[in-house]
């Protein structure tokens, strides 16, 4: 009886060992394959296996790229067109201002030339008028005082004073003496008031 129990125990022990060995041999290839894969991965990664990929400022790996959509491209093209249009408009305005400036300079030159011509013509007319007045004054001086006085009585006092101012004092006095006394007085005041602003100016300005 004890012999049978011993044999039974040995059989059970042997079966347990066999089951254990069988299980181990079944999982052993998978374990070896896993270890081999880990070793190959470690050798392939090398010393830089732990290095982190370089990222840009926004955290994306590799160089940053800008992607333009169709809408963005259209907006950019429209902005470019507006810029070119404004640039062309400013260029045209500049050309127009330059043309206007040249025309203004031409008109200014023409006006200056016309002013010079008018001033010259006025001086000529003024000189001719002065010559006429001097000629008439000489004619009145040659007349008899009473005959000239009758003409001076009909003149405007300022106009008559101008003639008398150009005559010799003796001849002008004889004409005044032959004129109407009231008219002679008014003409005398007109003659006295000539160049009054020069006479009344300070001595340093005379």
N, C-alpha and C. Protein backbone atom coordinates (compact mmCIF):
# COMPACT_ATOMS: atom_id res chain seq x y z
N UNK A 1 0.83 -1.21 0.00
CA UNK A 1 0.00 0.00 0.00
C UNK A 1 0.84 1.24 0.00
N UNK A 2 1.78 1.31 0.80
CA UNK A 2 2.70 2.47 0.82
C UNK A 2 3.48 2.57 -0.48
N UNK A 3 3.73 1.45 -1.06
CA UNK A 3 4.47 1.45 -2.33
C UNK A 3 3.63 2.10 -3.41
N UNK A 4 2.34 1.77 -3.39
CA UNK A 4 1.43 2.36 -4.40
C UNK A 4 1.33 3.86 -4.24
N UNK A 5 1.22 4.33 -2.99
CA UNK A 5 1.16 5.79 -2.74
C UNK A 5 2.40 6.48 -3.22
N UNK A 6 3.57 5.85 -2.96
CA UNK A 6 4.83 6.47 -3.41
C UNK A 6 4.85 6.58 -4.93
N UNK A 7 4.41 5.48 -5.58
CA UNK A 7 4.42 5.52 -7.06
C UNK A 7 3.45 6.58 -7.57
N UNK A 8 2.30 6.65 -6.90
CA UNK A 8 1.32 7.66 -7.31
C UNK A 8 1.87 9.06 -7.13
N UNK A 9 2.55 9.32 -6.04
CA UNK A 9 3.15 10.65 -5.78
C UNK A 9 4.18 10.98 -6.84
N UNK A 10 5.03 9.96 -7.16
CA UNK A 10 6.05 10.21 -8.19
C UNK A 10 5.41 10.51 -9.52
N UNK A 11 4.34 9.82 -9.83
CA UNK A 11 3.67 10.06 -11.13
C UNK A 11 3.11 11.46 -11.18
N UNK A 12 2.42 11.85 -10.08
CA UNK A 12 1.85 13.21 -10.04
C UNK A 12 2.93 14.27 -10.13
N UNK A 13 4.03 14.08 -9.44
CA UNK A 13 5.14 15.04 -9.48
C UNK A 13 5.71 15.14 -10.88
N UNK A 14 5.84 13.92 -11.50
CA UNK A 14 6.39 13.92 -12.87
C UNK A 14 5.47 14.66 -13.82
N UNK A 15 4.16 14.43 -13.68
CA UNK A 15 3.19 15.12 -14.54
C UNK A 15 3.22 16.64 -14.31
N UNK A 16 3.38 17.05 -13.05
CA UNK A 16 3.46 18.50 -12.76
C UNK A 16 4.66 19.13 -13.41
N UNK A 17 5.79 18.42 -13.34
CA UNK A 17 7.01 18.95 -13.96
C UNK A 17 6.84 19.06 -15.46
N UNK A 18 6.22 18.00 -16.02
CA UNK A 18 6.02 18.02 -17.48
C UNK A 18 5.12 19.18 -17.90
N UNK A 19 4.00 19.39 -17.15
CA UNK A 19 3.12 20.52 -17.46
C UNK A 19 3.83 21.86 -17.35
N UNK A 20 4.65 21.95 -16.31
CA UNK A 20 5.41 23.21 -16.10
C UNK A 20 6.37 23.46 -17.23
N UNK A 21 7.12 22.41 -17.59
CA UNK A 21 8.10 22.54 -18.69
C UNK A 21 7.39 22.84 -20.00
N UNK A 22 6.28 22.21 -20.24
CA UNK A 22 5.52 22.45 -21.48
C UNK A 22 5.03 23.87 -21.56
N UNK A 23 4.51 24.37 -20.43
CA UNK A 23 4.05 25.78 -20.44
C UNK A 23 5.18 26.75 -20.66
N UNK A 24 6.29 26.44 -20.03
CA UNK A 24 7.45 27.34 -20.20
C UNK A 24 7.94 27.34 -21.61
N UNK A 25 7.99 26.14 -22.22
CA UNK A 25 8.46 26.07 -23.61
C UNK A 25 7.48 26.74 -24.56
N UNK A 26 6.19 26.79 -24.18
CA UNK A 26 5.21 27.45 -25.07
C UNK A 26 5.35 28.96 -25.06
N UNK A 27 5.62 29.54 -23.89
CA UNK A 27 5.78 31.00 -23.79
C UNK A 27 7.20 31.48 -24.05
N UNK A 28 8.15 30.56 -24.09
CA UNK A 28 9.56 30.95 -24.27
C UNK A 28 9.82 31.61 -25.61
N UNK A 29 9.31 31.10 -26.74
CA UNK A 29 9.59 31.76 -28.04
C UNK A 29 9.07 33.20 -28.08
N UNK A 30 7.85 33.38 -27.50
CA UNK A 30 7.31 34.76 -27.51
C UNK A 30 8.16 35.69 -26.68
N UNK A 31 8.65 35.23 -25.55
CA UNK A 31 9.51 36.06 -24.70
C UNK A 31 10.81 36.37 -25.38
N UNK A 32 11.39 35.39 -26.04
CA UNK A 32 12.65 35.62 -26.76
C UNK A 32 12.44 36.60 -27.91
N UNK A 33 11.34 36.43 -28.60
CA UNK A 33 11.07 37.35 -29.72
C UNK A 33 10.89 38.77 -29.22
N UNK A 34 10.18 38.95 -28.10
CA UNK A 34 9.99 40.30 -27.53
C UNK A 34 11.31 40.91 -27.13
N UNK A 35 12.19 40.10 -26.49
CA UNK A 35 13.51 40.60 -26.07
C UNK A 35 14.35 40.97 -27.27
N UNK A 36 14.26 40.20 -28.34
CA UNK A 36 15.03 40.49 -29.55
C UNK A 36 14.56 41.78 -30.19
N UNK A 37 13.23 41.98 -30.20
CA UNK A 37 12.70 43.23 -30.78
C UNK A 37 13.15 44.44 -29.98
N UNK A 38 13.17 44.31 -28.65
CA UNK A 38 13.63 45.42 -27.80
C UNK A 38 15.08 45.71 -28.05
N UNK A 39 15.92 44.70 -28.19
CA UNK A 39 17.35 44.89 -28.44
C UNK A 39 17.57 45.55 -29.78
N UNK A 40 16.84 45.13 -30.83
CA UNK A 40 17.00 45.72 -32.16
C UNK A 40 16.57 47.20 -32.14
N UNK A 41 15.50 47.49 -31.44
CA UNK A 41 15.04 48.89 -31.39
C UNK A 41 16.04 49.77 -30.68
N UNK A 42 16.65 49.25 -29.60
CA UNK A 42 17.64 50.03 -28.85
C UNK A 42 18.87 50.28 -29.70
N UNK A 43 19.33 49.27 -30.43
CA UNK A 43 20.53 49.44 -31.26
C UNK A 43 20.27 50.36 -32.43
N UNK A 44 19.05 50.33 -32.96
CA UNK A 44 18.75 51.18 -34.11
C UNK A 44 18.62 52.64 -33.72
N UNK A 45 18.08 52.94 -32.54
CA UNK A 45 17.91 54.34 -32.11
C UNK A 45 19.22 54.98 -31.75
N UNK A 46 20.20 54.23 -31.27
CA UNK A 46 21.53 54.78 -30.96
C UNK A 46 21.49 55.70 -29.78
N UNK A 47 22.55 56.52 -29.66
CA UNK A 47 22.65 57.43 -28.51
C UNK A 47 21.64 58.55 -28.53
N UNK A 48 20.99 58.79 -29.72
CA UNK A 48 20.04 59.90 -29.80
C UNK A 48 18.62 59.44 -29.60
N UNK A 49 18.47 58.21 -29.04
CA UNK A 49 17.13 57.68 -28.87
C UNK A 49 16.31 58.52 -27.91
N UNK A 50 16.96 59.11 -26.91
CA UNK A 50 16.23 59.91 -25.92
C UNK A 50 16.06 61.36 -26.31
N UNK A 51 16.69 61.75 -27.47
CA UNK A 51 16.62 63.17 -27.87
C UNK A 51 15.22 63.50 -28.34
N UNK A 52 14.73 64.68 -27.99
CA UNK A 52 13.39 65.12 -28.35
C UNK A 52 13.45 65.82 -29.70
N UNK A 53 12.43 65.67 -30.50
CA UNK A 53 12.42 66.36 -31.80
C UNK A 53 12.41 67.86 -31.61
N UNK A 54 13.11 68.57 -32.53
CA UNK A 54 13.18 70.02 -32.46
C UNK A 54 11.85 70.58 -32.91
N UNK A 55 11.33 71.44 -32.11
CA UNK A 55 10.04 72.06 -32.42
C UNK A 55 10.24 73.55 -32.58
N UNK A 56 9.32 74.16 -33.30
CA UNK A 56 9.40 75.60 -33.47
C UNK A 56 8.73 76.30 -32.31
N UNK A 57 8.55 77.60 -32.42
CA UNK A 57 8.02 78.38 -31.31
C UNK A 57 6.59 78.00 -31.00
N UNK A 58 5.87 77.41 -31.94
CA UNK A 58 4.48 77.05 -31.70
C UNK A 58 4.34 75.60 -31.28
N UNK A 59 5.45 74.84 -31.14
CA UNK A 59 5.39 73.46 -30.67
C UNK A 59 5.24 72.45 -31.78
N UNK A 60 5.19 72.84 -33.02
CA UNK A 60 5.06 71.89 -34.12
C UNK A 60 6.43 71.43 -34.55
N UNK A 61 6.55 70.15 -34.86
CA UNK A 61 7.84 69.59 -35.25
C UNK A 61 8.21 70.09 -36.63
N UNK A 62 9.53 70.31 -36.84
CA UNK A 62 10.03 70.70 -38.15
C UNK A 62 9.82 72.19 -38.40
N UNK A 63 10.27 72.73 -39.54
CA UNK A 63 10.14 74.15 -39.88
C UNK A 63 8.69 74.52 -40.05
N UNK A 64 8.38 75.76 -39.61
CA UNK A 64 7.01 76.25 -39.70
C UNK A 64 6.68 76.58 -41.14
N UNK A 65 5.47 76.34 -41.55
CA UNK A 65 5.02 76.62 -42.90
C UNK A 65 3.72 77.40 -42.83
N UNK A 66 3.51 78.29 -43.83
CA UNK A 66 2.30 79.09 -43.90
C UNK A 66 1.49 78.60 -45.08
N UNK A 67 0.27 78.23 -44.83
CA UNK A 67 -0.59 77.72 -45.88
C UNK A 67 -1.61 78.80 -46.24
N UNK A 68 -1.69 79.20 -47.53
CA UNK A 68 -2.63 80.20 -48.01
C UNK A 68 -3.83 79.49 -48.61
N UNK A 69 -4.99 79.87 -48.12
CA UNK A 69 -6.21 79.36 -48.70
C UNK A 69 -6.58 80.19 -49.92
N UNK A 70 -7.60 79.75 -50.64
CA UNK A 70 -8.05 80.50 -51.82
C UNK A 70 -8.56 81.88 -51.42
N UNK A 71 -9.23 81.97 -50.28
CA UNK A 71 -9.74 83.26 -49.80
C UNK A 71 -8.61 84.20 -49.43
N UNK A 72 -7.57 83.66 -48.74
CA UNK A 72 -6.42 84.49 -48.37
C UNK A 72 -5.70 84.99 -49.60
N UNK A 73 -5.53 84.12 -50.58
CA UNK A 73 -4.85 84.54 -51.81
C UNK A 73 -5.64 85.62 -52.54
N UNK A 74 -6.98 85.50 -52.54
CA UNK A 74 -7.81 86.51 -53.19
C UNK A 74 -7.71 87.84 -52.47
N UNK A 75 -7.71 87.83 -51.13
CA UNK A 75 -7.58 89.07 -50.35
C UNK A 75 -6.23 89.71 -50.58
N UNK A 76 -5.19 88.89 -50.66
CA UNK A 76 -3.85 89.43 -50.91
C UNK A 76 -3.77 90.06 -52.30
N UNK A 77 -4.38 89.40 -53.28
CA UNK A 77 -4.39 89.95 -54.64
C UNK A 77 -5.17 91.26 -54.69
N UNK A 78 -6.27 91.34 -53.95
CA UNK A 78 -7.06 92.57 -53.92
C UNK A 78 -6.29 93.71 -53.27
N UNK A 79 -5.58 93.42 -52.17
CA UNK A 79 -4.75 94.44 -51.51
C UNK A 79 -3.66 94.92 -52.44
N UNK A 80 -3.06 94.00 -53.17
CA UNK A 80 -2.00 94.38 -54.11
C UNK A 80 -2.56 95.27 -55.22
N UNK A 81 -3.77 94.94 -55.69
CA UNK A 81 -4.40 95.73 -56.74
C UNK A 81 -4.72 97.13 -56.24
N UNK A 82 -5.23 97.23 -55.00
CA UNK A 82 -5.53 98.54 -54.42
C UNK A 82 -4.27 99.37 -54.26
N UNK A 83 -3.19 98.73 -53.82
CA UNK A 83 -1.92 99.44 -53.65
C UNK A 83 -1.42 99.97 -54.98
N UNK A 84 -1.48 99.15 -56.01
CA UNK A 84 -1.01 99.58 -57.32
C UNK A 84 -1.91 100.69 -57.87
N UNK A 85 -3.22 100.60 -57.62
CA UNK A 85 -4.14 101.63 -58.09
C UNK A 85 -3.85 102.97 -57.42
N UNK A 86 -3.67 102.94 -56.08
CA UNK A 86 -3.36 104.18 -55.36
C UNK A 86 -2.02 104.75 -55.80
N UNK A 87 -1.06 103.86 -56.05
CA UNK A 87 0.25 104.32 -56.51
C UNK A 87 0.13 105.00 -57.87
N UNK A 88 -0.65 104.42 -58.77
CA UNK A 88 -0.84 105.01 -60.09
C UNK A 88 -1.61 106.33 -59.99
N UNK A 89 -2.59 106.39 -59.09
CA UNK A 89 -3.35 107.62 -58.90
C UNK A 89 -2.47 108.75 -58.37
N UNK A 90 -1.62 108.43 -57.40
CA UNK A 90 -0.69 109.44 -56.87
C UNK A 90 0.27 109.91 -57.95
N UNK A 91 0.71 108.99 -58.79
CA UNK A 91 1.62 109.36 -59.88
C UNK A 91 0.93 110.31 -60.85
N UNK A 92 -0.33 110.04 -61.18
CA UNK A 92 -1.07 110.91 -62.09
C UNK A 92 -1.31 112.27 -61.46
N UNK A 93 -1.62 112.30 -60.16
CA UNK A 93 -1.81 113.58 -59.48
C UNK A 93 -0.52 114.40 -59.46
N UNK A 94 0.60 113.73 -59.27
CA UNK A 94 1.89 114.42 -59.27
C UNK A 94 2.16 115.02 -60.64
N UNK A 95 1.89 114.25 -61.70
CA UNK A 95 2.08 114.77 -63.06
C UNK A 95 1.15 115.94 -63.34
N UNK A 96 -0.09 115.84 -62.85
CA UNK A 96 -1.04 116.94 -63.05
C UNK A 96 -0.58 118.20 -62.32
N UNK A 97 -0.06 118.04 -61.11
CA UNK A 97 0.45 119.19 -60.35
C UNK A 97 1.65 119.82 -61.04
N UNK A 98 2.53 118.99 -61.58
CA UNK A 98 3.68 119.51 -62.30
C UNK A 98 3.25 120.28 -63.53
N UNK A 99 2.26 119.75 -64.25
CA UNK A 99 1.75 120.44 -65.43
C UNK A 99 1.11 121.77 -65.04
N UNK A 100 0.30 121.73 -63.96
CA UNK A 100 -0.34 122.96 -63.48
C UNK A 100 0.69 123.99 -63.04
N UNK A 101 1.77 123.52 -62.40
CA UNK A 101 2.82 124.44 -61.96
C UNK A 101 3.50 125.11 -63.14
N UNK A 102 3.76 124.32 -64.20
CA UNK A 102 4.38 124.90 -65.39
C UNK A 102 3.45 125.92 -66.03
N UNK A 103 2.15 125.60 -66.10
CA UNK A 103 1.19 126.55 -66.67
C UNK A 103 1.12 127.81 -65.83
N UNK A 104 1.15 127.67 -64.51
CA UNK A 104 1.11 128.82 -63.62
C UNK A 104 2.35 129.69 -63.80
N UNK A 105 3.51 129.05 -63.94
CA UNK A 105 4.73 129.82 -64.17
C UNK A 105 4.65 130.58 -65.50
N UNK A 106 4.10 129.92 -66.52
CA UNK A 106 3.96 130.58 -67.82
C UNK A 106 3.02 131.77 -67.73
N UNK A 107 1.87 131.56 -67.04
CA UNK A 107 0.91 132.66 -66.88
C UNK A 107 1.49 133.79 -66.04
N UNK A 108 2.28 133.43 -65.02
CA UNK A 108 2.91 134.46 -64.20
C UNK A 108 3.88 135.29 -65.03
N UNK A 109 4.65 134.61 -65.87
CA UNK A 109 5.58 135.33 -66.74
C UNK A 109 4.85 136.24 -67.72
N UNK A 110 3.72 135.75 -68.25
CA UNK A 110 2.94 136.57 -69.18
C UNK A 110 2.35 137.78 -68.47
N UNK A 111 1.86 137.57 -67.24
CA UNK A 111 1.30 138.70 -66.48
C UNK A 111 2.36 139.73 -66.14
N UNK A 112 3.55 139.25 -65.76
CA UNK A 112 4.64 140.18 -65.46
C UNK A 112 5.03 140.98 -66.70
N UNK A 113 5.09 140.29 -67.84
CA UNK A 113 5.41 140.99 -69.09
C UNK A 113 4.32 142.01 -69.44
N UNK A 114 3.05 141.62 -69.22
CA UNK A 114 1.95 142.54 -69.49
C UNK A 114 1.99 143.74 -68.54
N UNK A 115 2.31 143.49 -67.26
CA UNK A 115 2.41 144.58 -66.31
C UNK A 115 3.52 145.54 -66.70
N UNK A 116 4.64 144.98 -67.10
CA UNK A 116 5.76 145.84 -67.55
C UNK A 116 5.36 146.68 -68.75
N UNK A 117 4.63 146.05 -69.68
CA UNK A 117 4.18 146.77 -70.87
C UNK A 117 3.21 147.90 -70.49
N UNK A 118 2.28 147.58 -69.58
CA UNK A 118 1.32 148.60 -69.15
C UNK A 118 2.00 149.75 -68.42
N UNK A 119 2.97 149.41 -67.55
CA UNK A 119 3.69 150.46 -66.84
C UNK A 119 4.46 151.35 -67.82
N UNK A 120 5.09 150.71 -68.79
CA UNK A 120 5.83 151.49 -69.79
C UNK A 120 4.88 152.39 -70.59
N UNK A 121 3.73 151.79 -70.98
CA UNK A 121 2.75 152.57 -71.74
C UNK A 121 2.19 153.72 -70.90
N UNK A 122 1.93 153.45 -69.62
CA UNK A 122 1.41 154.50 -68.75
C UNK A 122 2.42 155.63 -68.59
N UNK A 123 3.67 155.27 -68.44
CA UNK A 123 4.70 156.30 -68.34
C UNK A 123 4.76 157.14 -69.62
N UNK A 124 4.59 156.48 -70.75
CA UNK A 124 4.60 157.21 -72.01
C UNK A 124 3.41 158.17 -72.09
N UNK A 125 2.23 157.64 -71.67
CA UNK A 125 1.04 158.48 -71.70
C UNK A 125 1.17 159.64 -70.72
N UNK A 126 1.71 159.32 -69.51
CA UNK A 126 1.90 160.36 -68.51
C UNK A 126 2.88 161.42 -69.00
N UNK A 127 3.95 160.96 -69.65
CA UNK A 127 4.92 161.92 -70.18
C UNK A 127 4.32 162.79 -71.27
N UNK A 128 3.50 162.15 -72.12
CA UNK A 128 2.86 162.94 -73.18
C UNK A 128 1.87 163.92 -72.58
N UNK A 129 1.15 163.48 -71.55
CA UNK A 129 0.20 164.38 -70.90
C UNK A 129 0.91 165.55 -70.24
N UNK A 130 2.03 165.26 -69.58
CA UNK A 130 2.79 166.35 -68.97
C UNK A 130 3.28 167.33 -70.03
N UNK A 131 3.69 166.79 -71.16
CA UNK A 131 4.14 167.68 -72.24
C UNK A 131 3.00 168.55 -72.75
N UNK A 132 1.80 167.96 -72.82
CA UNK A 132 0.64 168.74 -73.27
C UNK A 132 0.31 169.85 -72.27
N UNK A 133 0.37 169.50 -70.96
CA UNK A 133 0.07 170.50 -69.93
C UNK A 133 1.10 171.63 -69.99
N UNK A 134 2.35 171.28 -70.14
CA UNK A 134 3.41 172.30 -70.22
C UNK A 134 3.22 173.17 -71.46
N UNK A 135 2.78 172.51 -72.54
CA UNK A 135 2.56 173.27 -73.77
C UNK A 135 1.40 174.26 -73.60
N UNK A 136 0.32 173.82 -72.97
CA UNK A 136 -0.81 174.71 -72.72
C UNK A 136 -0.43 175.82 -71.75
N UNK A 137 0.35 175.47 -70.73
CA UNK A 137 0.79 176.49 -69.78
C UNK A 137 1.62 177.56 -70.50
N UNK A 138 2.45 177.13 -71.42
CA UNK A 138 3.22 178.10 -72.19
C UNK A 138 2.33 178.98 -73.05
N UNK A 139 1.28 178.39 -73.62
CA UNK A 139 0.34 179.17 -74.43
C UNK A 139 -0.39 180.20 -73.58
N UNK A 140 -0.85 179.79 -72.37
CA UNK A 140 -1.55 180.73 -71.50
C UNK A 140 -0.61 181.83 -71.02
N UNK A 141 0.64 181.47 -70.85
CA UNK A 141 1.61 182.49 -70.40
C UNK A 141 1.83 183.54 -71.48
N UNK A 142 1.70 183.12 -72.74
CA UNK A 142 1.92 184.06 -73.85
C UNK A 142 0.71 184.96 -74.10
N UNK A 143 -0.44 184.59 -73.54
CA UNK A 143 -1.65 185.38 -73.74
C UNK A 143 -1.65 186.62 -72.83
N UNK A 144 -2.50 187.55 -73.15
CA UNK A 144 -2.69 188.69 -72.28
C UNK A 144 -3.35 188.21 -70.99
N UNK A 145 -2.99 188.77 -69.85
CA UNK A 145 -3.52 188.29 -68.57
C UNK A 145 -5.05 188.30 -68.48
N UNK A 146 -5.71 189.35 -68.99
CA UNK A 146 -7.16 189.40 -68.89
C UNK A 146 -7.82 188.35 -69.78
N UNK A 147 -7.22 188.05 -70.96
CA UNK A 147 -7.77 187.02 -71.85
C UNK A 147 -7.60 185.64 -71.22
N UNK A 148 -6.43 185.37 -70.63
CA UNK A 148 -6.20 184.08 -69.97
C UNK A 148 -7.08 183.95 -68.74
N UNK A 149 -7.34 185.09 -68.03
CA UNK A 149 -8.15 185.05 -66.83
C UNK A 149 -9.58 184.63 -67.13
N UNK A 150 -10.12 185.08 -68.27
CA UNK A 150 -11.49 184.70 -68.63
C UNK A 150 -11.58 183.19 -68.86
N UNK A 151 -10.53 182.60 -69.37
CA UNK A 151 -10.51 181.12 -69.57
C UNK A 151 -10.36 180.41 -68.23
N UNK A 152 -9.50 180.91 -67.36
CA UNK A 152 -9.26 180.27 -66.05
C UNK A 152 -10.49 180.35 -65.15
N UNK A 153 -11.32 181.38 -65.35
CA UNK A 153 -12.54 181.47 -64.55
C UNK A 153 -13.49 180.31 -64.84
N UNK A 154 -13.40 179.70 -66.01
CA UNK A 154 -14.28 178.60 -66.39
C UNK A 154 -13.69 177.21 -66.06
N UNK A 155 -12.42 177.18 -65.67
CA UNK A 155 -11.75 175.90 -65.38
C UNK A 155 -12.08 175.41 -63.98
N UNK A 156 -11.89 174.12 -63.80
CA UNK A 156 -11.94 173.55 -62.45
C UNK A 156 -10.77 174.11 -61.66
N UNK A 157 -10.97 174.50 -60.40
CA UNK A 157 -9.91 175.12 -59.62
C UNK A 157 -8.63 174.28 -59.55
N UNK A 158 -8.77 172.98 -59.36
CA UNK A 158 -7.58 172.12 -59.29
C UNK A 158 -6.85 172.09 -60.63
N UNK A 159 -7.62 172.05 -61.72
CA UNK A 159 -7.01 172.03 -63.05
C UNK A 159 -6.31 173.36 -63.34
N UNK A 160 -6.95 174.47 -62.99
CA UNK A 160 -6.35 175.80 -63.20
C UNK A 160 -5.12 175.97 -62.34
N UNK A 161 -5.15 175.44 -61.12
CA UNK A 161 -3.99 175.55 -60.24
C UNK A 161 -2.79 174.82 -60.83
N UNK A 162 -3.06 173.72 -61.51
CA UNK A 162 -1.96 172.98 -62.13
C UNK A 162 -1.30 173.78 -63.23
N UNK A 163 -2.08 174.47 -64.02
CA UNK A 163 -1.50 175.32 -65.07
C UNK A 163 -0.69 176.47 -64.46
N UNK A 164 -1.29 177.15 -63.47
CA UNK A 164 -0.60 178.28 -62.87
C UNK A 164 0.70 177.86 -62.21
N UNK A 165 0.71 176.63 -61.70
CA UNK A 165 1.93 176.13 -61.04
C UNK A 165 3.08 175.99 -62.03
N UNK A 166 2.78 175.79 -63.30
CA UNK A 166 3.81 175.61 -64.33
C UNK A 166 4.24 176.95 -64.97
N UNK A 167 3.48 177.98 -64.70
CA UNK A 167 3.79 179.27 -65.31
C UNK A 167 4.81 180.04 -64.47
N UNK A 168 5.48 180.98 -65.07
CA UNK A 168 6.31 181.89 -64.28
C UNK A 168 5.46 182.65 -63.27
N UNK A 169 6.03 182.91 -62.11
CA UNK A 169 5.25 183.51 -61.03
C UNK A 169 4.64 184.86 -61.44
N UNK A 170 5.37 185.68 -62.21
CA UNK A 170 4.88 186.99 -62.60
C UNK A 170 3.64 186.87 -63.49
N UNK A 171 3.71 185.96 -64.48
CA UNK A 171 2.58 185.79 -65.40
C UNK A 171 1.38 185.17 -64.67
N UNK A 172 1.64 184.21 -63.75
CA UNK A 172 0.54 183.61 -63.00
C UNK A 172 -0.14 184.64 -62.11
N UNK A 173 0.65 185.56 -61.51
CA UNK A 173 0.07 186.60 -60.66
C UNK A 173 -0.82 187.53 -61.45
N UNK A 174 -0.44 187.92 -62.66
CA UNK A 174 -1.24 188.81 -63.48
C UNK A 174 -2.56 188.16 -63.88
N UNK A 175 -2.52 186.83 -64.14
CA UNK A 175 -3.75 186.12 -64.51
C UNK A 175 -4.69 186.06 -63.30
N UNK A 176 -4.15 185.77 -62.12
CA UNK A 176 -4.98 185.70 -60.91
C UNK A 176 -5.61 187.07 -60.61
N UNK A 177 -4.83 188.11 -60.84
CA UNK A 177 -5.35 189.46 -60.56
C UNK A 177 -6.50 189.84 -61.49
N UNK A 178 -6.52 189.26 -62.69
CA UNK A 178 -7.57 189.56 -63.66
C UNK A 178 -8.78 188.63 -63.51
N UNK A 179 -8.71 187.61 -62.66
CA UNK A 179 -9.80 186.63 -62.48
C UNK A 179 -10.81 187.13 -61.46
N UNK A 180 -11.93 186.42 -61.43
CA UNK A 180 -12.91 186.65 -60.38
C UNK A 180 -12.24 186.41 -59.03
N UNK A 181 -12.48 187.30 -58.06
CA UNK A 181 -11.76 187.24 -56.79
C UNK A 181 -12.03 185.93 -56.04
N UNK A 182 -13.25 185.48 -56.02
CA UNK A 182 -13.57 184.22 -55.32
C UNK A 182 -12.88 183.02 -55.99
N UNK A 183 -12.95 183.02 -57.29
CA UNK A 183 -12.32 181.90 -58.01
C UNK A 183 -10.81 181.96 -57.87
N UNK A 184 -10.25 183.19 -57.88
CA UNK A 184 -8.81 183.34 -57.71
C UNK A 184 -8.38 182.85 -56.33
N UNK A 185 -9.23 183.10 -55.31
CA UNK A 185 -8.90 182.63 -53.95
C UNK A 185 -8.87 181.10 -53.88
N UNK A 186 -9.88 180.46 -54.46
CA UNK A 186 -9.93 178.98 -54.42
C UNK A 186 -8.72 178.40 -55.14
N UNK A 187 -8.37 178.98 -56.29
CA UNK A 187 -7.21 178.47 -57.05
C UNK A 187 -5.93 178.69 -56.26
N UNK A 188 -5.83 179.81 -55.57
CA UNK A 188 -4.63 180.08 -54.77
C UNK A 188 -4.48 179.04 -53.66
N UNK A 189 -5.60 178.66 -53.01
CA UNK A 189 -5.56 177.63 -51.97
C UNK A 189 -5.11 176.29 -52.57
N UNK A 190 -5.59 175.96 -53.75
CA UNK A 190 -5.18 174.73 -54.41
C UNK A 190 -3.68 174.73 -54.71
N UNK A 191 -3.17 175.84 -55.18
CA UNK A 191 -1.73 175.92 -55.47
C UNK A 191 -0.92 175.78 -54.19
N UNK A 192 -1.40 176.41 -53.09
CA UNK A 192 -0.69 176.36 -51.82
C UNK A 192 -0.71 174.95 -51.22
N UNK A 193 -1.76 174.20 -51.49
CA UNK A 193 -1.87 172.85 -50.91
C UNK A 193 -1.06 171.80 -51.67
N UNK A 194 -0.54 172.18 -52.85
CA UNK A 194 0.28 171.22 -53.60
C UNK A 194 1.55 170.89 -52.84
N UNK A 195 1.90 169.61 -52.77
CA UNK A 195 3.11 169.12 -52.08
C UNK A 195 3.10 169.47 -50.60
N UNK A 196 1.87 169.63 -50.04
CA UNK A 196 1.79 169.96 -48.63
C UNK A 196 2.31 168.81 -47.77
N UNK A 197 2.12 167.54 -48.23
CA UNK A 197 2.59 166.40 -47.45
C UNK A 197 4.10 166.38 -47.34
N UNK A 198 4.77 166.89 -48.41
CA UNK A 198 6.24 166.94 -48.38
C UNK A 198 6.72 168.04 -47.44
N UNK A 199 6.04 169.16 -47.47
CA UNK A 199 6.42 170.27 -46.61
C UNK A 199 6.19 169.96 -45.14
N UNK A 200 5.11 169.21 -44.86
CA UNK A 200 4.78 168.89 -43.47
C UNK A 200 5.49 167.67 -42.92
N UNK A 201 6.27 166.99 -43.72
CA UNK A 201 6.98 165.79 -43.27
C UNK A 201 8.12 166.20 -42.34
N UNK A 202 8.54 165.27 -41.40
CA UNK A 202 9.67 165.59 -40.51
C UNK A 202 10.91 165.97 -41.31
N UNK A 203 11.78 166.75 -40.65
CA UNK A 203 12.95 167.28 -41.35
C UNK A 203 13.86 166.17 -41.86
N UNK A 204 13.93 165.06 -41.12
CA UNK A 204 14.83 163.98 -41.55
C UNK A 204 14.37 163.27 -42.79
N UNK A 205 13.05 163.42 -43.14
CA UNK A 205 12.51 162.74 -44.32
C UNK A 205 12.53 163.63 -45.55
N UNK A 206 12.80 164.93 -45.41
CA UNK A 206 12.81 165.84 -46.55
C UNK A 206 14.12 165.74 -47.31
